[in-house]
Amino acid sequence: MIDSKYFYQQAIALAAAGEDLYQRGWVPATSGNFSARLSLDAAIVTASGKHKGRLSPTDFIAVDLKGNAISDGKPSAETELHTQLYARFPNVGAVLHCHSPKATVLSKALAAQRSITLSDYELLKAFDGINTHNTSVDIPIFDNTQDISSLASEVDVYLATQPKCPGYIIRGHGVYCWAEDLNSCMRNLEALDFLLDCELALTRLAR
């Protein structure tokens, strides 16, 4: 049973986040998708093909944790990448996927790498559980594919052994970030984008 009032509240919050991320240039056209947990076994996710800077409450769909719609409409094609995170981590309350130019370009520039190591940055402390710059965080890079179920399984295998990972990149595509609630997820996403921008600048300087 879906709590319609809570569904509406989550839809409004995700729509506001979408407008913010669109203004940053991170979800051009109809790219990207957003979600939030509704219960232990359900989530709200953006409908397929919607402009993320002009979302309304009717542009969201309730799904189970296998990615199946449990309300009217067609969920985003990448819904399983969201629900896999809710199934893996009971404490995750929101997931954001953006097509940030920095993450997209950097993952293409590092074509031979399977991850990016972020080390000794002050902003690493934005991520939960980190209280010093003197550390490192690995951000995995997964190759892009239209087989979303296969990609979701690949991500899940990685996260089973790296549960503190704050996000990942799909090569040439974009970044996924998650947290216990939407505000924390926005913070993680902003921090990760800044750190990837720093890494991209270092890559350009090294050439």
Protein backbone atom coordinates (compact mmCIF):
# COMPACT_ATOMS: atom_id res chain seq x y z
CA MET A 1 0.00 0.00 0.00
CA ILE A 2 1.46 3.34 -1.10
CA ASP A 3 1.15 6.29 1.28
CA SER A 4 -0.13 8.90 -1.20
CA LYS A 5 0.76 11.86 1.02
CA TYR A 6 4.34 10.67 1.48
CA PHE A 7 4.59 9.86 -2.24
CA TYR A 8 3.56 13.44 -3.04
CA GLN A 9 6.04 14.90 -0.54
CA GLN A 10 8.89 12.87 -2.01
CA ALA A 11 7.85 13.80 -5.56
CA ILE A 12 7.89 17.52 -4.72
CA ALA A 13 11.34 17.22 -3.12
CA LEU A 14 12.78 15.27 -6.05
CA ALA A 15 11.28 17.74 -8.55
CA ALA A 16 13.00 20.62 -6.72
CA ALA A 17 16.28 18.71 -6.80
CA GLY A 18 15.79 18.12 -10.51
CA GLU A 19 15.36 21.83 -11.19
CA ASP A 20 18.55 22.56 -9.23
CA LEU A 21 20.56 19.89 -11.07
CA TYR A 22 19.22 21.04 -14.45
CA GLN A 23 20.34 24.61 -13.72
CA ARG A 24 23.83 23.25 -13.00
CA GLY A 25 23.88 21.61 -16.44
CA TRP A 26 24.05 18.09 -14.98
CA VAL A 27 20.82 16.70 -16.50
CA PRO A 28 20.52 18.12 -20.04
CA ALA A 29 17.51 17.31 -22.21
CA THR A 30 15.70 14.35 -20.59
CA SER A 31 18.84 12.70 -19.18
CA GLY A 32 19.31 11.53 -15.61
CA ASN A 33 16.89 10.01 -13.15
CA PHE A 34 16.08 10.44 -9.46
CA SER A 35 14.48 8.33 -6.76
CA ALA A 36 13.67 8.15 -3.06
CA ARG A 37 12.68 5.32 -0.78
CA LEU A 38 8.98 5.00 0.05
CA SER A 39 9.21 1.99 2.35
CA LEU A 40 11.34 -1.09 3.00
CA ASP A 41 10.18 -2.60 -0.29
CA ALA A 42 9.21 0.34 -2.53
CA ALA A 43 10.63 3.53 -4.03
CA ILE A 44 9.50 6.52 -6.07
CA VAL A 45 11.39 7.11 -9.33
CA THR A 46 11.20 9.50 -12.26
CA ALA A 47 9.07 8.38 -15.18
CA SER A 48 10.75 7.62 -18.49
CA GLY A 49 11.58 10.48 -20.85
CA LYS A 50 10.74 13.42 -18.59
CA HIS A 51 12.63 16.73 -18.64
CA LYS A 52 14.35 16.85 -15.26
CA GLY A 53 14.21 20.63 -14.97
CA ARG A 54 10.41 20.71 -15.29
CA LEU A 55 9.21 17.79 -13.19
CA SER A 56 5.80 17.69 -11.51
CA PRO A 57 4.37 15.13 -9.03
CA THR A 58 2.72 13.28 -11.94
CA ASP A 59 6.17 12.59 -13.43
CA PHE A 60 7.00 9.99 -10.78
CA ILE A 61 6.11 6.32 -10.40
CA ALA A 62 6.16 3.92 -7.46
CA VAL A 63 8.19 0.75 -8.03
CA ASP A 64 9.09 -2.34 -6.05
CA LEU A 65 12.73 -3.18 -5.38
CA LYS A 66 12.93 -5.30 -8.52
CA GLY A 67 12.10 -2.21 -10.57
CA ASN A 68 8.52 -3.17 -11.41
CA ALA A 69 5.95 -0.37 -11.51
CA ILE A 70 3.33 -0.51 -8.77
CA SER A 71 1.57 2.68 -9.84
CA ASP A 72 0.51 3.94 -13.26
CA GLY A 73 3.17 4.91 -15.81
CA LYS A 74 6.49 3.75 -17.21
CA PRO A 75 9.52 4.11 -14.91
CA SER A 76 12.95 5.18 -16.13
CA ALA A 77 14.81 2.53 -18.13
CA GLU A 78 17.55 2.63 -15.47
CA THR A 79 15.24 2.01 -12.52
CA GLU A 80 17.03 -1.22 -11.55
CA LEU A 81 20.20 0.77 -10.87
CA HIS A 82 18.22 2.64 -8.23
CA THR A 83 16.31 -0.25 -6.71
CA GLN A 84 19.48 -2.37 -6.52
CA LEU A 85 20.89 0.23 -4.12
CA TYR A 86 17.76 0.24 -1.93
CA ALA A 87 17.83 -3.55 -1.81
CA ARG A 88 21.55 -3.65 -0.98
CA PHE A 89 21.49 -0.86 1.62
CA PRO A 90 18.40 -0.58 3.89
CA ASN A 91 19.64 2.82 5.13
CA VAL A 92 19.73 4.42 1.66
CA GLY A 93 16.89 6.90 1.27
CA ALA A 94 17.67 8.66 -2.02
CA VAL A 95 19.55 8.05 -5.27
CA LEU A 96 20.50 10.64 -7.90
CA HIS A 97 21.86 9.96 -11.37
CA CYS A 98 23.27 12.85 -13.42
CA HIS A 99 25.12 13.31 -16.68
CA SER A 100 27.71 15.71 -15.33
CA PRO A 101 30.13 16.72 -18.10
CA LYS A 102 33.09 16.28 -15.72
CA ALA A 103 32.26 12.70 -14.81
CA THR A 104 31.43 11.87 -18.41
CA VAL A 105 34.63 13.33 -19.89
CA LEU A 106 36.93 12.05 -17.15
CA SER A 107 35.65 8.49 -17.47
CA LYS A 108 36.33 8.63 -21.23
CA ALA A 109 39.78 10.16 -20.73
CA LEU A 110 40.70 7.32 -18.35
CA ALA A 111 39.65 4.65 -20.83
CA ALA A 112 42.00 2.01 -19.43
CA GLN A 113 41.05 2.54 -15.78
CA ARG A 114 38.36 0.73 -13.80
CA SER A 115 38.30 3.30 -11.01
CA ILE A 116 39.38 6.78 -9.93
CA THR A 117 41.18 7.20 -6.62
CA LEU A 118 40.47 10.49 -4.85
CA SER A 119 43.23 11.17 -2.32
CA ASP A 120 44.14 13.92 0.14
CA TYR A 121 41.29 16.28 -0.72
CA GLU A 122 39.70 18.30 2.08
CA LEU A 123 36.28 17.80 0.52
CA LEU A 124 36.46 14.04 1.06
CA LYS A 125 35.11 14.90 4.50
CA ALA A 126 31.74 15.60 2.86
CA PHE A 127 31.23 11.83 2.62
CA ASP A 128 29.79 9.97 5.60
CA GLY A 129 32.35 8.39 7.91
CA ILE A 130 35.33 10.46 6.71
CA ASN A 131 36.78 13.05 9.12
CA THR A 132 40.20 13.74 7.60
CA HIS A 133 41.65 14.76 4.27
CA ASN A 134 44.44 12.21 4.80
CA THR A 135 42.59 9.34 3.18
CA SER A 136 41.46 8.07 -0.20
CA VAL A 137 38.20 6.97 -1.79
CA ASP A 138 37.89 4.77 -4.85
CA ILE A 139 35.12 5.61 -7.31
CA PRO A 140 34.53 2.63 -9.63
CA ILE A 141 33.94 3.06 -13.35
CA PHE A 142 31.62 0.60 -15.07
CA ASP A 143 31.46 0.29 -18.83
CA ASN A 144 28.25 1.55 -20.41
CA THR A 145 25.70 -0.97 -21.61
CA GLN A 146 22.03 -1.11 -22.53
CA ASP A 147 21.71 -4.29 -20.44
CA ILE A 148 20.64 -2.59 -17.23
CA SER A 149 20.00 -5.81 -15.31
CA SER A 150 23.53 -7.00 -16.04
CA LEU A 151 24.98 -3.63 -15.03
CA ALA A 152 22.95 -3.60 -11.81
CA SER A 153 24.33 -7.04 -10.96
CA GLU A 154 27.89 -5.90 -11.69
CA VAL A 155 27.45 -2.88 -9.42
CA ASP A 156 25.93 -5.02 -6.69
CA VAL A 157 28.88 -7.44 -6.73
CA TYR A 158 31.26 -4.49 -6.30
CA LEU A 159 29.26 -2.88 -3.49
CA ALA A 160 29.00 -6.18 -1.62
CA THR A 161 32.73 -5.85 -0.88
CA GLN A 162 32.92 -2.03 -0.90
CA PRO A 163 29.87 -0.89 1.09
CA LYS A 164 31.33 2.54 1.96
CA CYS A 165 31.61 3.56 -1.69
CA PRO A 166 29.70 6.88 -2.08
CA GLY A 167 29.08 6.69 -5.82
CA TYR A 168 30.08 5.27 -9.18
CA ILE A 169 30.51 6.33 -12.78
CA ILE A 170 29.17 4.71 -15.94
CA ARG A 171 31.82 5.36 -18.56
CA GLY A 172 30.87 8.07 -21.04
CA HIS A 173 27.46 8.28 -19.39
CA GLY A 174 27.29 9.80 -15.93
CA VAL A 175 27.44 9.34 -12.18
CA TYR A 176 25.27 7.65 -9.56
CA CYS A 177 25.25 8.88 -5.96
CA TRP A 178 23.21 7.85 -2.91
CA ALA A 179 22.75 8.64 0.77
CA GLU A 180 20.39 8.24 3.70
CA ASP A 181 18.20 11.14 2.58
CA LEU A 182 17.85 13.54 -0.34
CA ASN A 183 19.73 16.44 1.24
CA SER A 184 22.70 14.20 2.05
CA CYS A 185 22.57 12.76 -1.45
CA MET A 186 22.71 16.26 -2.96
CA ARG A 187 25.72 17.02 -0.73
CA ASN A 188 27.51 13.84 -1.80
CA LEU A 189 26.77 14.50 -5.46
CA GLU A 190 28.06 18.07 -5.29
CA ALA A 191 31.21 16.98 -3.46
CA LEU A 192 31.86 14.14 -5.89
CA ASP A 193 31.39 16.40 -8.91
CA PHE A 194 33.87 18.92 -7.47
CA LEU A 195 36.45 16.19 -6.80
CA LEU A 196 36.03 14.74 -10.29
CA ASP A 197 36.50 18.24 -11.70
CA CYS A 198 39.80 18.46 -9.79
CA GLU A 199 40.90 15.10 -11.19
CA LEU A 200 39.94 16.17 -14.70
CA ALA A 201 42.03 19.34 -14.32
CA LEU A 202 45.02 17.28 -13.14
CA THR A 203 44.63 14.98 -16.12
CA ARG A 204 44.72 17.95 -18.49
CA LEU A 205 47.75 19.46 -16.75
CA ALA A 206 49.63 16.17 -17.07
CA ARG A 207 49.37 16.21 -20.86
